[in-house]
Amino acid sequence: MDTKSLGKWVYIGGLLVAVVAALVEFTADWLALLLMIAGILAGLFYSDPAEVEKFVMRYLGLAAVAAVLNDFVAIGPYITTIMMTTVAFLGPVLLTTLVVWFYNKSFGK
């Protein structure tokens, strides 16, 4: 198994764990740490630093939408929780991708 497919599975697994944890309203410090480590690994092995601008725009759009979904009647809090945990998982992915992009840009890989 190459690192790209390993990163893809870590990315998918992290998203699934984040959504399931939001659905059952499970919070724990170790889960946040696990999702952060999974996000860093997904950022290193799966994300493409060449498309970092698109990823930043998608992340900002998702974060903005997640902030306003709470106003929907009846289902708003549930959707907001799912979106916020997804944004929390994607934060380390984005940060790691940005670090790799800056490194590649600065040192000419």
C-alpha atoms as a PDB file:
ATOM      1  CA  MET A   1       0.000   0.000   0.000  1.00  0.00           C
ATOM      2  CA  ASP A   2       1.472   3.316  -1.042  1.00  0.00           C
ATOM      3  CA  THR A   3       1.308   6.460   1.074  1.00  0.00           C
ATOM      4  CA  LYS A   4      -1.316   8.142  -1.145  1.00  0.00           C
ATOM      5  CA  SER A   5      -3.855   5.343  -0.630  1.00  0.00           C
ATOM      6  CA  LEU A   6      -2.958   5.144   3.079  1.00  0.00           C
ATOM      7  CA  GLY A   7      -3.575   8.890   3.360  1.00  0.00           C
ATOM      8  CA  LYS A   8      -6.887   8.523   1.559  1.00  0.00           C
ATOM      9  CA  TRP A   9      -8.055   5.885   4.039  1.00  0.00           C
ATOM     10  CA  VAL A  10      -6.897   7.965   7.010  1.00  0.00           C
ATOM     11  CA  TYR A  11      -8.809  10.942   5.559  1.00  0.00           C
ATOM     12  CA  ILE A  12     -12.000   8.921   5.047  1.00  0.00           C
ATOM     13  CA  GLY A  13     -11.676   7.274   8.457  1.00  0.00           C
ATOM     14  CA  GLY A  14     -11.159  10.611  10.179  1.00  0.00           C
ATOM     15  CA  LEU A  15     -14.217  12.098   8.498  1.00  0.00           C
ATOM     16  CA  LEU A  16     -16.332   9.078   9.455  1.00  0.00           C
ATOM     17  CA  VAL A  17     -15.157   9.135  13.079  1.00  0.00           C
ATOM     18  CA  ALA A  18     -15.852  12.879  13.282  1.00  0.00           C
ATOM     19  CA  VAL A  19     -19.382  12.489  11.894  1.00  0.00           C
ATOM     20  CA  VAL A  20     -20.227   9.472  14.062  1.00  0.00           C
ATOM     21  CA  ALA A  21     -18.872  11.189  17.178  1.00  0.00           C
ATOM     22  CA  ALA A  22     -21.065  14.187  16.364  1.00  0.00           C
ATOM     23  CA  LEU A  23     -24.146  12.032  15.814  1.00  0.00           C
ATOM     24  CA  VAL A  24     -23.816  10.243  19.165  1.00  0.00           C
ATOM     25  CA  GLU A  25     -22.630  13.438  20.885  1.00  0.00           C
ATOM     26  CA  PHE A  26     -19.429  11.819  22.106  1.00  0.00           C
ATOM     27  CA  THR A  27     -16.651  14.123  23.263  1.00  0.00           C
ATOM     28  CA  ALA A  28     -13.330  13.139  24.761  1.00  0.00           C
ATOM     29  CA  ASP A  29      -9.861  14.652  24.813  1.00  0.00           C
ATOM     30  CA  TRP A  30      -8.313  11.503  23.397  1.00  0.00           C
ATOM     31  CA  LEU A  31     -10.750  11.555  20.461  1.00  0.00           C
ATOM     32  CA  ALA A  32      -9.815  15.133  19.634  1.00  0.00           C
ATOM     33  CA  LEU A  33      -6.133  14.167  19.764  1.00  0.00           C
ATOM     34  CA  LEU A  34      -6.774  11.121  17.571  1.00  0.00           C
ATOM     35  CA  LEU A  35      -8.617  13.233  14.990  1.00  0.00           C
ATOM     36  CA  MET A  36      -5.819  15.801  15.060  1.00  0.00           C
ATOM     37  CA  ILE A  37      -3.183  13.128  14.409  1.00  0.00           C
ATOM     38  CA  ALA A  38      -5.338  11.617  11.646  1.00  0.00           C
ATOM     39  CA  GLY A  39      -5.710  15.086  10.124  1.00  0.00           C
ATOM     40  CA  ILE A  40      -1.959  15.659  10.151  1.00  0.00           C
ATOM     41  CA  LEU A  41      -1.327  12.274   8.531  1.00  0.00           C
ATOM     42  CA  ALA A  42      -4.013  12.906   5.907  1.00  0.00           C
ATOM     43  CA  GLY A  43      -2.486  16.315   5.205  1.00  0.00           C
ATOM     44  CA  LEU A  44       0.950  14.785   4.739  1.00  0.00           C
ATOM     45  CA  PHE A  45       0.012  11.762   2.655  1.00  0.00           C
ATOM     46  CA  TYR A  46      -3.242  12.595   0.850  1.00  0.00           C
ATOM     47  CA  SER A  47      -3.658  16.329   0.261  1.00  0.00           C
ATOM     48  CA  ASP A  48      -2.165  17.887  -2.838  1.00  0.00           C
ATOM     49  CA  PRO A  49      -0.157  21.017  -1.980  1.00  0.00           C
ATOM     50  CA  ALA A  50      -0.602  22.247  -5.549  1.00  0.00           C
ATOM     51  CA  GLU A  51      -4.340  22.697  -4.925  1.00  0.00           C
ATOM     52  CA  VAL A  52      -3.995  24.440  -1.577  1.00  0.00           C
ATOM     53  CA  GLU A  53      -5.868  27.549  -2.715  1.00  0.00           C
ATOM     54  CA  LYS A  54      -8.958  25.506  -3.618  1.00  0.00           C
ATOM     55  CA  PHE A  55      -8.752  23.617  -0.340  1.00  0.00           C
ATOM     56  CA  VAL A  56      -8.578  26.861   1.654  1.00  0.00           C
ATOM     57  CA  MET A  57     -11.652  28.216  -0.132  1.00  0.00           C
ATOM     58  CA  ARG A  58     -13.597  24.980   0.459  1.00  0.00           C
ATOM     59  CA  TYR A  59     -12.601  24.981   4.131  1.00  0.00           C
ATOM     60  CA  LEU A  60     -13.619  28.616   4.648  1.00  0.00           C
ATOM     61  CA  GLY A  61     -16.929  28.030   2.876  1.00  0.00           C
ATOM     62  CA  LEU A  62     -17.643  24.957   4.978  1.00  0.00           C
ATOM     63  CA  ALA A  63     -16.782  26.832   8.182  1.00  0.00           C
ATOM     64  CA  ALA A  64     -19.041  29.739   7.213  1.00  0.00           C
ATOM     65  CA  VAL A  65     -21.950  27.455   6.398  1.00  0.00           C
ATOM     66  CA  ALA A  66     -21.446  25.501   9.619  1.00  0.00           C
ATOM     67  CA  ALA A  67     -21.681  28.714  11.618  1.00  0.00           C
ATOM     68  CA  VAL A  68     -25.130  29.646  10.309  1.00  0.00           C
ATOM     69  CA  LEU A  69     -26.847  26.247  10.160  1.00  0.00           C
ATOM     70  CA  ASN A  70     -27.957  26.429  13.790  1.00  0.00           C
ATOM     71  CA  ASP A  71     -30.921  28.636  12.790  1.00  0.00           C
ATOM     72  CA  PHE A  72     -32.745  25.803  11.011  1.00  0.00           C
ATOM     73  CA  VAL A  73     -35.720  24.633  13.025  1.00  0.00           C
ATOM     74  CA  ALA A  74     -35.528  21.122  14.532  1.00  0.00           C
ATOM     75  CA  ILE A  75     -32.501  19.806  12.625  1.00  0.00           C
ATOM     76  CA  GLY A  76     -30.198  22.823  12.894  1.00  0.00           C
ATOM     77  CA  PRO A  77     -28.296  21.797  16.037  1.00  0.00           C
ATOM     78  CA  TYR A  78     -27.612  18.307  14.668  1.00  0.00           C
ATOM     79  CA  ILE A  79     -26.361  19.532  11.299  1.00  0.00           C
ATOM     80  CA  THR A  80     -24.301  22.237  13.010  1.00  0.00           C
ATOM     81  CA  THR A  81     -22.639  19.668  15.270  1.00  0.00           C
ATOM     82  CA  ILE A  82     -21.785  17.419  12.329  1.00  0.00           C
ATOM     83  CA  MET A  83     -20.412  20.317  10.286  1.00  0.00           C
ATOM     84  CA  MET A  84     -18.382  21.698  13.200  1.00  0.00           C
ATOM     85  CA  THR A  85     -16.735  18.336  13.910  1.00  0.00           C
ATOM     86  CA  THR A  86     -15.960  17.997  10.202  1.00  0.00           C
ATOM     87  CA  VAL A  87     -14.405  21.471  10.217  1.00  0.00           C
ATOM     88  CA  ALA A  88     -12.450  20.547  13.354  1.00  0.00           C
ATOM     89  CA  PHE A  89     -11.043  17.471  11.585  1.00  0.00           C
ATOM     90  CA  LEU A  90     -10.238  19.364   8.394  1.00  0.00           C
ATOM     91  CA  GLY A  91      -8.354  22.116  10.269  1.00  0.00           C
ATOM     92  CA  PRO A  92      -5.215  20.011  10.879  1.00  0.00           C
ATOM     93  CA  VAL A  93      -5.455  18.651   7.315  1.00  0.00           C
ATOM     94  CA  LEU A  94      -5.448  22.194   5.946  1.00  0.00           C
ATOM     95  CA  LEU A  95      -2.700  23.398   8.270  1.00  0.00           C
ATOM     96  CA  THR A  96      -0.436  20.476   7.348  1.00  0.00           C
ATOM     97  CA  THR A  97      -1.142  20.984   3.644  1.00  0.00           C
ATOM     98  CA  LEU A  98      -0.253  24.679   3.993  1.00  0.00           C
ATOM     99  CA  VAL A  99       3.016  23.828   5.765  1.00  0.00           C
ATOM    100  CA  VAL A 100       3.933  21.361   2.994  1.00  0.00           C
ATOM    101  CA  TRP A 101       2.996  23.944   0.354  1.00  0.00           C
ATOM    102  CA  PHE A 102       5.137  26.645   2.004  1.00  0.00           C
ATOM    103  CA  TYR A 103       8.023  24.197   2.372  1.00  0.00           C
ATOM    104  CA  ASN A 104       7.825  23.150  -1.294  1.00  0.00           C
ATOM    105  CA  LYS A 105       7.530  26.772  -2.416  1.00  0.00           C
ATOM    106  CA  SER A 106      10.443  27.951  -0.258  1.00  0.00           C
ATOM    107  CA  PHE A 107      12.857  25.123  -0.938  1.00  0.00           C
ATOM    108  CA  GLY A 108      11.868  24.416  -4.550  1.00  0.00           C
ATOM    109  CA  LYS A 109      10.780  20.825  -4.518  1.00  0.00           C
END
